[in-house]
N, C-alpha and C. Protein backbone atom coordinates (compact mmCIF):
# COMPACT_ATOMS: atom_id res chain seq x y z
N UNK A 1 314.92 82.00 211.46
CA UNK A 1 315.44 83.07 212.22
C UNK A 1 316.87 82.57 212.46
N UNK A 2 317.76 84.12 212.35
CA UNK A 2 319.28 83.94 212.50
C UNK A 2 319.32 83.65 214.02
N UNK A 3 320.86 83.56 214.04
CA UNK A 3 321.00 82.83 215.88
C UNK A 3 321.51 84.32 216.05
N UNK A 4 320.68 84.38 217.07
CA UNK A 4 320.92 85.71 218.21
C UNK A 4 321.99 86.28 218.51
N UNK A 5 323.25 85.45 218.45
CA UNK A 5 324.88 86.16 218.56
C UNK A 5 325.10 86.50 217.44
N UNK A 6 324.51 86.43 216.30
CA UNK A 6 324.90 87.25 215.11
C UNK A 6 324.51 88.74 215.10
N UNK A 7 325.73 89.48 214.54
CA UNK A 7 325.52 91.01 214.40
C UNK A 7 325.24 91.42 213.52
N UNK A 8 324.42 92.51 213.40
CA UNK A 8 324.10 93.55 212.14
C UNK A 8 324.46 94.71 212.67
N UNK A 9 324.96 95.82 211.68
CA UNK A 9 325.29 97.42 211.60
C UNK A 9 324.02 97.22 210.47
N UNK A 10 323.21 98.42 211.11
CA UNK A 10 322.36 99.24 210.53
C UNK A 10 322.45 100.45 210.29
N UNK A 11 322.78 100.75 209.03
CA UNK A 11 322.84 102.33 209.05
C UNK A 11 321.43 103.28 209.08
N UNK A 12 321.46 104.15 210.35
CA UNK A 12 320.56 104.36 210.93
C UNK A 12 319.90 105.78 210.85
N UNK A 13 319.50 106.68 209.89
CA UNK A 13 319.40 108.03 209.83
C UNK A 13 318.37 108.86 210.62
N UNK A 14 317.61 107.93 210.89
CA UNK A 14 316.43 108.00 211.65
C UNK A 14 314.91 108.88 210.88
N UNK A 15 315.14 108.41 209.79
CA UNK A 15 314.09 108.46 208.88
C UNK A 15 313.52 107.00 208.72
N UNK A 16 312.03 107.02 207.94
CA UNK A 16 311.36 105.69 207.81
C UNK A 16 312.34 104.61 207.49
N UNK A 17 312.63 104.58 206.49
CA UNK A 17 313.43 103.55 205.63
C UNK A 17 314.26 102.87 206.11
N UNK A 18 315.48 103.67 207.08
CA UNK A 18 316.55 102.88 207.81
C UNK A 18 315.75 102.29 209.42
N UNK A 19 314.62 103.29 209.44
CA UNK A 19 313.71 102.19 210.56
C UNK A 19 312.98 101.20 210.59
N UNK A 20 312.87 101.30 209.18
CA UNK A 20 312.23 100.14 209.03
C UNK A 20 313.37 98.50 208.91
N UNK A 21 314.36 99.24 208.54
CA UNK A 21 315.60 98.04 208.50
C UNK A 21 315.83 97.65 209.89
N UNK A 22 315.93 98.72 210.34
CA UNK A 22 315.95 98.23 212.11
C UNK A 22 314.73 97.48 212.81
N UNK A 23 313.99 97.33 212.09
CA UNK A 23 312.77 95.98 212.21
C UNK A 23 313.04 95.19 212.21
N UNK A 24 313.37 95.27 210.57
CA UNK A 24 313.77 93.82 209.92
C UNK A 24 315.23 93.24 210.37
N UNK A 25 315.78 94.07 210.99
CA UNK A 25 317.07 92.83 211.39
C UNK A 25 317.02 92.77 213.15
N UNK A 26 316.04 93.77 213.70
CA UNK A 26 315.84 93.10 214.78
C UNK A 26 314.99 91.39 214.79
N UNK A 27 313.55 91.81 213.55
CA UNK A 27 313.11 90.24 213.51
C UNK A 27 313.84 89.33 212.96
N UNK A 28 314.73 89.68 212.86
CA UNK A 28 315.86 88.41 212.42
C UNK A 28 316.70 87.93 213.56
N UNK A 29 316.64 88.32 214.71
CA UNK A 29 317.09 88.02 216.12
C UNK A 29 318.76 88.56 216.15
N UNK A 30 319.17 89.33 215.31
CA UNK A 30 320.65 90.25 215.54
C UNK A 30 320.55 90.65 216.81
N UNK A 31 322.18 90.83 216.89
CA UNK A 31 322.40 91.82 218.06
C UNK A 31 322.45 93.32 217.10
N UNK A 32 321.80 94.61 217.76
CA UNK A 32 322.05 95.52 216.52
C UNK A 32 322.78 96.32 217.07
N UNK A 33 323.60 97.16 216.27
CA UNK A 33 324.72 97.99 216.21
C UNK A 33 324.32 98.87 214.83
N UNK A 34 323.58 100.16 215.45
CA UNK A 34 323.01 100.70 214.50
C UNK A 34 324.07 102.06 214.45
N UNK A 35 324.72 102.80 213.17
CA UNK A 35 325.51 103.85 212.84
C UNK A 35 324.32 104.63 212.06
N UNK A 36 325.13 105.99 212.66
CA UNK A 36 324.45 107.06 211.84
C UNK A 36 325.70 108.15 212.10
N UNK A 37 325.03 109.27 210.70
CA UNK A 37 326.14 110.36 210.83
C UNK A 37 325.36 111.81 210.93
N UNK A 38 326.44 112.56 211.47
CA UNK A 38 325.97 113.73 211.45
C UNK A 38 326.73 114.42 210.79
N UNK A 39 326.59 114.79 209.44
CA UNK A 39 327.32 115.36 208.21
C UNK A 39 326.57 116.45 207.84
N UNK A 40 326.61 117.54 208.81
CA UNK A 40 326.07 118.87 209.10
C UNK A 40 325.22 119.11 207.83
N UNK A 41 324.32 118.30 207.86
CA UNK A 41 322.82 118.22 207.09
C UNK A 41 321.94 119.15 207.33
N UNK A 42 321.18 119.55 206.71
CA UNK A 42 320.15 120.72 206.97
C UNK A 42 318.94 120.12 207.97
N UNK A 43 319.00 118.55 207.63
CA UNK A 43 317.85 117.98 208.75
C UNK A 43 318.52 117.16 209.76
N UNK A 44 319.60 117.76 210.37
CA UNK A 44 320.46 117.08 211.36
C UNK A 44 318.97 116.77 212.81
N UNK A 45 317.93 117.11 212.73
CA UNK A 45 316.96 116.97 213.77
C UNK A 45 316.62 115.11 213.62
N UNK A 46 316.95 114.57 212.36
CA UNK A 46 316.90 113.04 212.26
C UNK A 46 317.78 112.48 213.26
N UNK A 47 318.56 113.25 213.70
CA UNK A 47 319.87 112.00 214.28
C UNK A 47 318.98 112.08 216.32
N UNK A 48 318.38 112.92 216.29
CA UNK A 48 317.16 112.81 217.64
C UNK A 48 316.28 111.66 217.39
N UNK A 49 315.51 111.72 216.21
CA UNK A 49 315.26 110.39 215.93
C UNK A 49 315.82 108.92 215.93
N UNK A 50 316.96 108.97 215.51
CA UNK A 50 317.99 108.01 215.35
C UNK A 50 318.17 107.13 216.40
N UNK A 51 318.33 108.22 217.54
CA UNK A 51 318.75 108.33 218.93
C UNK A 51 317.64 107.43 219.49
N UNK A 52 316.25 107.77 219.67
CA UNK A 52 315.15 107.30 219.91
C UNK A 52 314.47 105.62 219.45
N UNK A 53 314.91 105.76 217.97
CA UNK A 53 314.68 104.23 217.33
C UNK A 53 315.63 103.25 217.81
N UNK A 54 317.21 103.40 218.47
CA UNK A 54 318.27 103.09 218.27
C UNK A 54 317.63 102.69 220.40
N UNK A 55 316.86 103.76 221.14
CA UNK A 55 317.05 102.60 222.11
C UNK A 55 315.56 102.30 222.46
N UNK A 56 314.85 102.31 221.62
CA UNK A 56 313.66 101.49 221.50
C UNK A 56 313.85 99.80 221.23
N UNK A 57 315.48 99.92 220.39
CA UNK A 57 315.42 98.17 220.19
C UNK A 57 316.29 97.90 220.71
N UNK A 58 317.22 99.07 222.03
CA UNK A 58 317.70 98.18 222.79
C UNK A 58 319.29 97.86 221.94
N UNK A 59 319.53 98.71 221.32
CA UNK A 59 320.94 98.24 220.33
C UNK A 59 322.02 98.33 221.66
N UNK A 60 323.09 97.63 221.28
CA UNK A 60 324.08 97.23 221.72
C UNK A 60 325.03 98.69 222.01
N UNK A 61 325.01 99.25 220.69
CA UNK A 61 325.91 100.76 221.01
C UNK A 61 325.31 101.35 219.52
N UNK A 62 325.11 101.98 219.95
CA UNK A 62 324.60 103.30 218.92
C UNK A 62 326.04 104.25 218.06
N UNK A 63 326.25 104.02 217.16
CA UNK A 63 327.64 104.66 217.04
C UNK A 63 327.13 106.06 216.28
N UNK A 64 327.56 107.36 216.30
CA UNK A 64 327.24 108.23 215.76
C UNK A 64 328.37 109.64 214.96
N UNK A 65 329.02 109.05 213.73
CA UNK A 65 329.95 109.69 213.22
C UNK A 65 329.92 110.70 213.02
N UNK A 66 330.66 111.60 213.13
CA UNK A 66 330.79 112.92 212.64
C UNK A 66 331.66 113.32 211.63
N UNK A 67 330.96 113.85 210.45
CA UNK A 67 331.48 114.33 209.66
C UNK A 67 331.26 115.42 208.50
N UNK A 68 332.02 116.31 208.03
CA UNK A 68 331.79 117.48 207.57
C UNK A 68 331.19 117.66 206.08
N UNK A 69 330.39 116.98 205.34
CA UNK A 69 330.06 116.99 204.41
C UNK A 69 329.36 118.02 203.76
N UNK A 70 329.24 118.93 204.77
CA UNK A 70 328.86 120.87 204.38
C UNK A 70 330.12 121.30 203.74
N UNK A 71 331.43 120.60 203.92
CA UNK A 71 332.71 121.16 203.35
C UNK A 71 332.87 120.85 201.38
N UNK A 72 332.09 119.64 201.56
CA UNK A 72 332.21 119.70 199.88
C UNK A 72 330.98 120.29 199.16
N UNK A 73 329.76 120.38 200.07
CA UNK A 73 328.51 120.64 199.31
C UNK A 73 327.87 120.09 198.27
N UNK A 74 327.74 121.07 197.40
CA UNK A 74 326.46 120.41 196.00
C UNK A 74 325.43 119.62 196.34
N UNK A 75 324.65 119.99 197.52
CA UNK A 75 323.72 119.58 197.58
C UNK A 75 322.71 120.42 198.27
N UNK A 76 321.46 120.17 198.50
CA UNK A 76 320.55 121.08 198.82
C UNK A 76 320.43 120.59 200.75
N UNK A 77 320.97 119.39 200.95
CA UNK A 77 320.59 118.94 201.89
C UNK A 77 321.98 119.22 202.64
N UNK A 78 322.99 120.05 201.89
CA UNK A 78 324.27 120.03 202.79
C UNK A 78 324.95 121.66 202.76
N UNK A 79 323.92 122.52 201.79
CA UNK A 79 324.53 123.68 201.47
C UNK A 79 323.45 124.60 201.65
N UNK A 80 323.56 125.88 202.38
CA UNK A 80 322.18 126.32 202.68
C UNK A 80 321.88 127.55 201.79
N UNK A 81 322.94 127.48 200.59
CA UNK A 81 322.50 128.45 199.84
C UNK A 81 321.91 127.71 198.41
N UNK A 82 321.63 126.30 198.59
CA UNK A 82 320.98 125.40 197.51
C UNK A 82 319.55 125.54 198.04
N UNK A 83 318.50 125.87 197.27
CA UNK A 83 317.26 125.28 198.37
C UNK A 83 316.71 124.45 198.38
N UNK A 84 315.97 123.59 199.27
CA UNK A 84 315.41 122.63 198.77
C UNK A 84 314.25 122.88 198.44
N UNK A 85 314.08 121.65 196.93
CA UNK A 85 313.70 121.91 195.47
C UNK A 85 311.50 121.34 195.86
N UNK A 86 310.63 121.99 195.44
CA UNK A 86 309.52 121.62 196.19
C UNK A 86 309.43 119.58 195.06
N UNK A 87 308.55 119.28 196.35
CA UNK A 87 308.79 117.80 196.07
C UNK A 87 307.76 117.09 194.87
N UNK A 88 308.09 116.18 193.88
CA UNK A 88 307.61 115.72 192.98
C UNK A 88 307.56 114.15 193.17
N UNK A 89 306.92 113.56 193.19
CA UNK A 89 306.94 112.35 193.12
C UNK A 89 306.81 111.28 191.82
N UNK A 90 307.13 112.12 190.66
CA UNK A 90 306.94 111.76 189.17
C UNK A 90 308.51 112.57 188.55
N UNK A 91 309.30 112.99 189.76
CA UNK A 91 310.36 113.25 188.57
C UNK A 91 311.47 112.13 188.01
N UNK A 92 311.95 112.42 187.62
CA UNK A 92 312.49 111.73 186.44
C UNK A 92 314.36 112.20 186.19
N UNK A 93 314.32 113.18 186.96
CA UNK A 93 315.70 113.68 187.00
C UNK A 93 316.19 113.81 188.51
N UNK A 94 317.35 113.58 189.01
CA UNK A 94 318.29 113.48 190.21
C UNK A 94 318.05 114.86 190.41
N UNK A 95 317.20 115.60 191.82
CA UNK A 95 317.28 116.56 192.63
C UNK A 95 318.29 117.15 193.24
N UNK A 96 318.07 118.38 193.26
CA UNK A 96 319.55 118.83 194.21
C UNK A 96 319.47 118.40 195.38
N UNK A 97 318.83 117.50 196.05
CA UNK A 97 318.86 117.05 197.48
C UNK A 97 319.61 115.91 197.08
N UNK A 98 320.54 115.03 196.14
CA UNK A 98 320.84 114.40 196.31
C UNK A 98 322.65 114.90 197.00
N UNK A 99 322.71 113.90 197.85
CA UNK A 99 324.15 114.27 198.53
C UNK A 99 325.36 113.65 197.88
N UNK A 100 326.14 114.15 197.25
CA UNK A 100 327.45 113.41 196.27
C UNK A 100 328.19 112.23 197.42
N UNK A 101 327.93 110.74 196.55
CA UNK A 101 328.97 110.00 197.08
C UNK A 101 328.51 109.40 198.57
N UNK A 102 327.27 110.05 198.95
CA UNK A 102 327.08 110.08 200.53
C UNK A 102 327.04 108.36 200.77
N UNK A 103 326.07 107.95 200.14
CA UNK A 103 326.03 105.97 200.56
C UNK A 103 327.51 105.44 200.38
N UNK A 104 327.74 105.72 199.31
CA UNK A 104 329.30 105.31 199.08
C UNK A 104 330.07 105.43 200.29
N UNK A 105 330.24 106.57 200.94
CA UNK A 105 331.11 107.03 201.96
C UNK A 105 330.83 106.71 203.44
N UNK A 106 329.00 106.49 203.68
CA UNK A 106 328.22 105.65 204.91
C UNK A 106 328.71 104.28 204.76
N UNK A 107 328.64 104.01 204.00
CA UNK A 107 328.81 102.33 203.59
C UNK A 107 330.22 101.69 204.09
N UNK A 108 331.48 102.51 203.57
CA UNK A 108 332.53 102.39 203.59
C UNK A 108 332.86 102.41 205.92
N UNK A 109 332.37 103.52 206.18
CA UNK A 109 332.08 103.19 207.70
C UNK A 109 332.07 101.94 208.41
N UNK A 110 330.43 101.75 207.49
CA UNK A 110 329.35 101.09 208.23
C UNK A 110 330.70 99.56 207.99
N UNK A 111 330.83 99.07 207.11
CA UNK A 111 331.62 98.14 206.80
C UNK A 111 332.81 97.94 207.97
N UNK A 112 333.65 99.00 208.08
CA UNK A 112 334.98 99.33 209.15
C UNK A 112 334.24 98.82 210.28
N UNK A 113 333.06 99.29 210.64
CA UNK A 113 332.40 99.49 212.00
C UNK A 113 332.12 97.89 212.20
N UNK A 114 331.26 97.13 211.09
CA UNK A 114 330.97 96.11 211.24
C UNK A 114 332.41 94.82 211.65
N UNK A 115 333.29 95.43 210.81
CA UNK A 115 334.65 94.64 211.20
C UNK A 115 335.44 94.53 212.47
N UNK A 116 334.98 96.07 213.20
CA UNK A 116 335.30 95.88 214.19
C UNK A 116 334.51 95.09 215.41
N UNK A 117 333.41 95.12 215.32
CA UNK A 117 332.43 94.60 216.11
C UNK A 117 332.15 93.22 215.70
N UNK A 118 332.69 92.32 214.89
CA UNK A 118 332.34 91.42 214.30
C UNK A 118 331.14 90.61 213.34
N UNK A 119 330.58 91.62 212.96
CA UNK A 119 329.36 91.63 212.15
C UNK A 119 329.10 91.33 211.23
N UNK A 120 328.30 90.64 210.65
CA UNK A 120 328.18 89.44 209.56
C UNK A 120 327.51 90.09 208.62
N UNK A 121 326.51 91.06 208.90
CA UNK A 121 325.58 92.20 207.77
C UNK A 121 325.61 93.30 208.12
N UNK A 122 325.44 94.19 207.09
CA UNK A 122 325.44 95.51 207.03
C UNK A 122 324.24 95.91 206.46
N UNK A 123 322.81 96.42 207.18
CA UNK A 123 321.95 96.64 206.39
C UNK A 123 321.46 98.60 206.15
N UNK A 124 320.76 98.64 204.62
CA UNK A 124 321.19 99.92 204.01
C UNK A 124 319.72 100.01 204.09
N UNK A 125 318.96 100.93 204.22
CA UNK A 125 317.78 101.18 203.65
C UNK A 125 317.38 101.50 202.08
N UNK A 126 318.20 101.51 201.21
CA UNK A 126 318.12 101.96 199.41
C UNK A 126 316.91 101.30 199.04
N UNK A 127 316.44 102.14 198.19
CA UNK A 127 315.53 101.59 197.45
C UNK A 127 315.42 102.27 195.96
N UNK A 128 314.77 101.45 195.05
CA UNK A 128 314.85 101.80 193.83
C UNK A 128 313.27 101.95 193.15
N UNK A 129 312.97 101.60 193.71
CA UNK A 129 311.04 102.10 193.46
C UNK A 129 310.70 103.05 193.65
N UNK A 130 310.27 104.29 194.55
CA UNK A 130 309.76 105.11 195.42
C UNK A 130 310.53 105.70 195.83
N UNK A 131 311.50 106.65 194.99
CA UNK A 131 312.35 107.44 195.63
C UNK A 131 313.37 108.28 194.56
N UNK A 132 313.87 109.34 194.87
CA UNK A 132 314.29 110.51 194.33
C UNK A 132 315.56 110.41 192.96
N UNK A 133 315.36 109.02 192.68
CA UNK A 133 316.50 109.09 191.79
C UNK A 133 317.46 108.64 191.75
N UNK A 134 318.16 108.77 193.41
CA UNK A 134 319.64 109.12 193.32
C UNK A 134 320.17 107.74 192.75
N UNK A 135 321.54 108.05 192.41
CA UNK A 135 322.36 106.84 191.70
C UNK A 135 322.91 106.05 193.05
N UNK A 136 322.73 106.28 193.84
CA UNK A 136 323.77 105.28 194.81
C UNK A 136 322.35 104.58 195.62
N UNK A 137 321.37 104.62 195.24
CA UNK A 137 320.08 103.65 195.80
C UNK A 137 320.11 102.50 194.86
N UNK A 138 320.74 102.31 193.75
CA UNK A 138 320.74 101.67 192.89
C UNK A 138 320.82 100.32 193.41
N UNK A 139 320.25 99.22 193.09
CA UNK A 139 321.15 97.13 193.10
C UNK A 139 322.54 97.69 192.59
N UNK A 140 322.50 97.73 191.63
CA UNK A 140 323.87 97.58 190.54
C UNK A 140 325.24 98.61 191.45
N UNK A 141 324.22 99.95 192.10
CA UNK A 141 325.80 99.94 193.20
C UNK A 141 325.84 99.09 194.50
N UNK A 142 324.85 98.99 194.86
CA UNK A 142 325.39 97.85 195.80
C UNK A 142 325.93 97.06 195.35
N UNK A 143 325.80 95.99 194.31
CA UNK A 143 325.80 94.60 194.01
C UNK A 143 327.85 95.32 193.50
N UNK A 144 328.08 96.24 193.10
CA UNK A 144 329.58 96.61 193.27
C UNK A 144 330.32 96.95 194.37
N UNK A 145 329.94 97.73 194.99
CA UNK A 145 329.93 97.85 196.11
C UNK A 145 330.21 96.72 197.21
N UNK A 146 329.54 95.61 197.28
CA UNK A 146 329.69 94.32 197.87
C UNK A 146 331.23 93.67 197.04
N UNK A 147 331.47 93.55 195.95
CA UNK A 147 332.11 93.23 195.12
C UNK A 147 333.61 93.75 195.90
N UNK A 148 333.71 95.27 195.92
CA UNK A 148 334.99 95.83 196.36
C UNK A 148 335.40 95.30 197.72
N UNK A 149 333.85 95.67 198.71
CA UNK A 149 334.03 95.41 199.94
C UNK A 149 334.34 94.25 200.36
N UNK A 150 333.96 93.19 199.69
CA UNK A 150 334.66 91.65 199.73
C UNK A 150 336.28 91.63 199.97
N UNK A 151 336.91 93.12 199.16
CA UNK A 151 338.54 93.22 199.09
C UNK A 151 338.94 93.74 200.26
N UNK A 152 338.32 94.43 200.93
CA UNK A 152 338.43 95.72 201.30
C UNK A 152 338.90 95.94 203.21
N UNK A 153 338.42 94.68 203.68
CA UNK A 153 339.04 94.43 205.20
C UNK A 153 339.70 93.36 205.46
N UNK A 154 340.31 93.21 206.88
CA UNK A 154 341.29 92.22 206.94
C UNK A 154 339.90 90.85 207.19
N UNK A 155 338.99 91.14 207.68
CA UNK A 155 337.84 90.13 207.80
C UNK A 155 337.42 89.41 206.59
N UNK A 156 337.55 90.11 205.41
CA UNK A 156 336.62 89.48 204.54
C UNK A 156 337.79 89.03 203.63
N UNK A 157 338.78 89.91 203.18
CA UNK A 157 339.95 89.60 202.19
C UNK A 157 341.20 88.55 202.91
N UNK A 158 341.48 88.59 204.30
CA UNK A 158 342.40 87.77 204.52
C UNK A 158 341.61 86.73 205.45
N UNK A 159 340.55 86.96 206.27
CA UNK A 159 340.09 86.14 207.26
C UNK A 159 338.74 85.18 206.49
N UNK A 160 338.38 85.81 205.73
CA UNK A 160 337.25 84.92 204.71
C UNK A 160 335.92 84.99 205.49
N UNK A 161 335.52 86.10 206.09
CA UNK A 161 334.70 86.34 207.04
C UNK A 161 333.82 87.27 205.91
N UNK A 162 332.69 86.70 205.71
CA UNK A 162 331.55 87.52 204.61
C UNK A 162 331.08 88.55 205.68
N UNK A 163 331.24 89.76 204.64
CA UNK A 163 330.30 90.66 205.32
C UNK A 163 328.99 91.28 204.49
N UNK A 164 327.79 90.40 204.91
CA UNK A 164 326.68 90.68 203.64
C UNK A 164 326.26 92.12 203.84
N UNK A 165 326.11 92.78 202.74
CA UNK A 165 324.72 93.97 202.90
C UNK A 165 323.89 93.86 202.30
N UNK A 166 323.03 93.64 203.47
CA UNK A 166 321.38 93.63 203.33
C UNK A 166 320.57 94.80 202.98
N UNK A 167 319.85 94.35 201.98
CA UNK A 167 318.86 95.87 201.20
C UNK A 167 317.44 95.29 201.20
N UNK A 168 316.74 95.46 202.14
CA UNK A 168 315.49 94.69 202.18
C UNK A 168 314.53 95.31 201.95
N UNK A 169 314.95 96.78 201.45
CA UNK A 169 313.70 97.63 200.84
C UNK A 169 314.12 97.41 199.35
N UNK A 170 315.07 97.01 199.04
CA UNK A 170 315.36 97.58 197.61
C UNK A 170 314.02 97.70 196.35
N UNK A 171 313.59 96.40 196.28
CA UNK A 171 312.24 97.02 195.40
C UNK A 171 311.01 96.81 196.18
N UNK A 172 311.07 97.60 197.02
CA UNK A 172 309.56 97.57 197.83
C UNK A 172 309.07 99.08 197.33
N UNK A 173 308.21 99.36 197.07
CA UNK A 173 307.35 100.42 196.96
C UNK A 173 307.27 101.05 198.05
N UNK A 174 306.93 102.44 198.36
CA UNK A 174 306.95 103.29 199.75
C UNK A 174 305.51 102.70 200.60
N UNK A 175 304.85 101.92 199.84
CA UNK A 175 303.70 101.39 200.59
C UNK A 175 304.25 100.00 200.96
N UNK A 176 304.50 99.67 200.43
CA UNK A 176 304.76 98.21 200.97
C UNK A 176 306.11 98.28 201.70
N UNK A 177 306.57 99.17 201.93
CA UNK A 177 307.74 99.32 203.42
C UNK A 177 307.10 99.74 204.48
N UNK A 178 306.06 100.70 204.07
CA UNK A 178 305.26 101.38 205.23
C UNK A 178 304.66 99.91 205.78
N UNK A 179 303.84 99.07 205.31
CA UNK A 179 302.88 98.12 205.15
C UNK A 179 303.93 97.31 206.27
N UNK A 180 305.40 96.99 206.02
CA UNK A 180 306.32 96.02 206.11
C UNK A 180 306.90 96.54 207.75
N UNK A 181 306.97 97.96 207.84
CA UNK A 181 306.89 98.57 208.76
C UNK A 181 305.99 98.29 210.11
N UNK A 182 305.24 98.38 209.79
CA UNK A 182 303.37 98.47 210.84
C UNK A 182 303.59 96.87 211.17
N UNK A 183 303.50 95.96 210.32
CA UNK A 183 303.70 94.94 210.85
C UNK A 183 304.75 94.54 211.65
N UNK A 184 305.51 95.10 211.76
CA UNK A 184 306.94 94.64 212.28
C UNK A 184 307.20 95.61 213.77
N UNK A 185 306.06 96.28 213.83
CA UNK A 185 306.43 97.54 214.81
C UNK A 185 307.09 98.44 214.91
N UNK A 186 307.62 98.92 213.75
CA UNK A 186 308.75 99.62 214.15
C UNK A 186 307.62 100.78 214.54
N UNK A 187 308.60 101.88 215.36
CA UNK A 187 308.28 102.97 215.78
C UNK A 187 308.16 104.56 215.03
N UNK A 188 307.46 104.37 214.13
CA UNK A 188 307.52 105.63 213.10
C UNK A 188 307.24 106.57 213.46
N UNK A 189 306.83 106.88 215.11
CA UNK A 189 306.53 107.67 215.68
C UNK A 189 307.98 108.98 215.63
N UNK A 190 309.08 108.24 216.10
CA UNK A 190 310.26 108.47 216.13
C UNK A 190 310.91 109.35 214.89
N UNK A 191 310.71 109.11 213.77
CA UNK A 191 311.08 109.19 212.65
C UNK A 191 310.90 110.51 212.14
N UNK A 192 312.02 110.73 211.50
CA UNK A 192 312.15 111.91 210.78
C UNK A 192 312.87 111.76 209.27
N UNK A 193 311.70 112.16 208.41
CA UNK A 193 312.34 112.25 206.99
C UNK A 193 312.35 113.69 206.36
N UNK A 194 311.46 114.36 206.78
CA UNK A 194 311.67 116.02 205.78
C UNK A 194 313.18 116.77 205.70
N UNK A 195 313.08 117.05 204.45
CA UNK A 195 314.70 117.44 203.82
C UNK A 195 314.70 119.24 204.73
N UNK A 196 313.65 119.31 204.90
CA UNK A 196 313.76 121.07 205.75
C UNK A 196 314.42 120.66 206.89
N UNK A 197 314.03 119.97 207.34
CA UNK A 197 314.34 119.87 209.25
C UNK A 197 313.88 120.20 210.00
N UNK A 198 312.30 120.73 209.97
CA UNK A 198 312.06 121.54 210.76
C UNK A 198 311.39 120.46 212.22
N UNK A 199 310.75 121.21 213.10
CA UNK A 199 310.32 120.55 214.06
C UNK A 199 308.48 119.79 213.85
N UNK A 200 308.43 119.83 212.51
CA UNK A 200 306.98 119.96 211.96
C UNK A 200 307.62 119.38 210.62
N UNK A 201 307.53 118.55 209.99
CA UNK A 201 307.41 117.82 208.19
C UNK A 201 307.00 119.05 207.88
N UNK A 202 308.05 119.16 206.53
CA UNK A 202 306.60 120.38 205.99
C UNK A 202 306.18 119.88 204.79
N UNK A 203 305.63 118.41 204.72
CA UNK A 203 304.63 117.85 203.64
C UNK A 203 304.75 118.22 202.42
N UNK A 204 305.90 119.14 201.80
CA UNK A 204 306.09 119.58 200.10
C UNK A 204 307.28 119.34 199.69
N UNK A 205 307.82 118.71 200.37
CA UNK A 205 309.48 118.32 199.72
C UNK A 205 309.51 116.62 199.07
N UNK A 206 310.21 116.37 198.70
CA UNK A 206 310.37 114.90 198.04
C UNK A 206 310.17 113.94 198.89
N UNK A 207 311.31 113.99 199.81
CA UNK A 207 310.97 113.19 201.03
C UNK A 207 309.50 112.61 201.66
N UNK A 208 308.78 114.25 202.21
CA UNK A 208 307.86 114.27 202.54
C UNK A 208 306.14 113.52 201.62
N UNK A 209 306.40 114.06 200.67
CA UNK A 209 305.50 113.50 199.57
C UNK A 209 305.46 112.08 199.54
N UNK A 210 307.01 111.13 199.08
CA UNK A 210 307.15 110.10 199.04
C UNK A 210 306.53 108.98 200.45
N UNK A 211 306.51 109.80 201.61
CA UNK A 211 306.65 109.32 202.96
C UNK A 211 304.86 109.58 202.87
N UNK A 212 304.10 110.63 202.50
CA UNK A 212 302.73 110.76 202.58
C UNK A 212 302.23 109.89 201.51
N UNK A 213 302.38 109.81 200.63
CA UNK A 213 301.76 108.84 199.55
C UNK A 213 302.02 107.56 199.88
N UNK A 214 303.26 106.96 200.49
CA UNK A 214 303.03 105.77 201.00
C UNK A 214 302.26 105.52 202.02
N UNK A 215 302.16 106.24 203.18
CA UNK A 215 301.23 105.28 204.43
C UNK A 215 299.72 105.81 203.55
N UNK A 216 299.30 106.68 202.58
CA UNK A 216 298.13 106.68 202.44
C UNK A 216 297.59 105.65 201.68
N UNK A 217 298.85 105.00 200.74
CA UNK A 217 298.67 103.65 199.83
C UNK A 217 298.29 102.35 200.76
N UNK A 218 299.09 102.48 202.21
CA UNK A 218 299.52 101.56 202.83
C UNK A 218 297.87 101.19 203.48
N UNK A 219 297.33 102.41 203.41
CA UNK A 219 296.06 102.46 204.25
C UNK A 219 296.00 102.48 206.10
N UNK A 220 297.25 103.77 206.39
CA UNK A 220 297.98 104.10 207.65
C UNK A 220 297.64 105.25 207.66
N UNK A 221 297.97 105.83 208.78
CA UNK A 221 298.08 107.08 209.13
C UNK A 221 299.58 107.10 209.71
N UNK A 222 299.95 108.14 209.00
CA UNK A 222 301.26 108.49 209.46
C UNK A 222 301.06 109.39 210.94
N UNK A 223 302.31 108.67 211.83
CA UNK A 223 302.29 109.40 213.55
C UNK A 223 302.88 110.71 213.48
N UNK A 224 303.40 111.19 212.53
CA UNK A 224 304.39 112.21 212.64
C UNK A 224 303.09 113.76 212.28
N UNK A 225 303.79 114.67 212.68
CA UNK A 225 303.53 116.00 212.42
C UNK A 225 303.67 116.60 211.87
N UNK A 226 302.52 117.27 210.50
CA UNK A 226 303.03 117.82 209.34
C UNK A 226 302.62 119.63 209.32
N UNK A 227 303.38 120.71 208.82
CA UNK A 227 302.76 121.91 208.34
C UNK A 227 301.83 121.75 207.43
N UNK A 228 301.94 121.12 206.37
CA UNK A 228 300.49 120.64 205.28
C UNK A 228 300.78 119.19 204.57
N UNK A 229 299.64 118.70 204.66
CA UNK A 229 299.65 117.02 204.51
C UNK A 229 298.90 117.47 202.72
N UNK A 230 299.60 117.58 201.86
CA UNK A 230 298.77 117.61 200.59
C UNK A 230 298.84 116.44 200.00
N UNK A 231 299.06 115.59 200.36
CA UNK A 231 298.29 113.61 199.58
C UNK A 231 297.59 113.43 200.46
């Protein structure tokens, strides 16, 4: 177990994967500094979940950044004129729910936050197994961002303090992520994963279908409410 004085910044959207990352970081003994984003996303209800998760884990500080990515648009999650596509767990093309450069932008904020609070780790719940094909969830992206980040802050480039990007879910299936979170006691009842952003998850978008499939294959009941459970 890591020294409890060490700090970790966790990218906390309020969804299943980021909640699992919080559980993993907590299990390592780090002081938690989650960072969330109100980027004017269609499913901004996830931020309410992020607040509850941060409180559950007694985060030292939960930072919520305001950034208007809807000004750029180009995604069904930030542009109301683009419909959220029907979910397809076998999709091979990048769907309209991809938000251009989102993880690159969010990781940049997280690295800055880590430098300020003195954190040596940044956790992000990217996954390259059961996911929607987003290019900024691939291990190649994380590797190259880490290489860039090593030159990007005073802490790393001048003082030689390494800030490591941690991706504990990178090669896990969605069912393995669920199993890991359940073993660690992750508060999945507070999470919101649905792209449509209603009080109840739709059950039909990519995120909902991948989540429902993960819980089913893991042998657990998903604790959140759905309009429909097709899987």
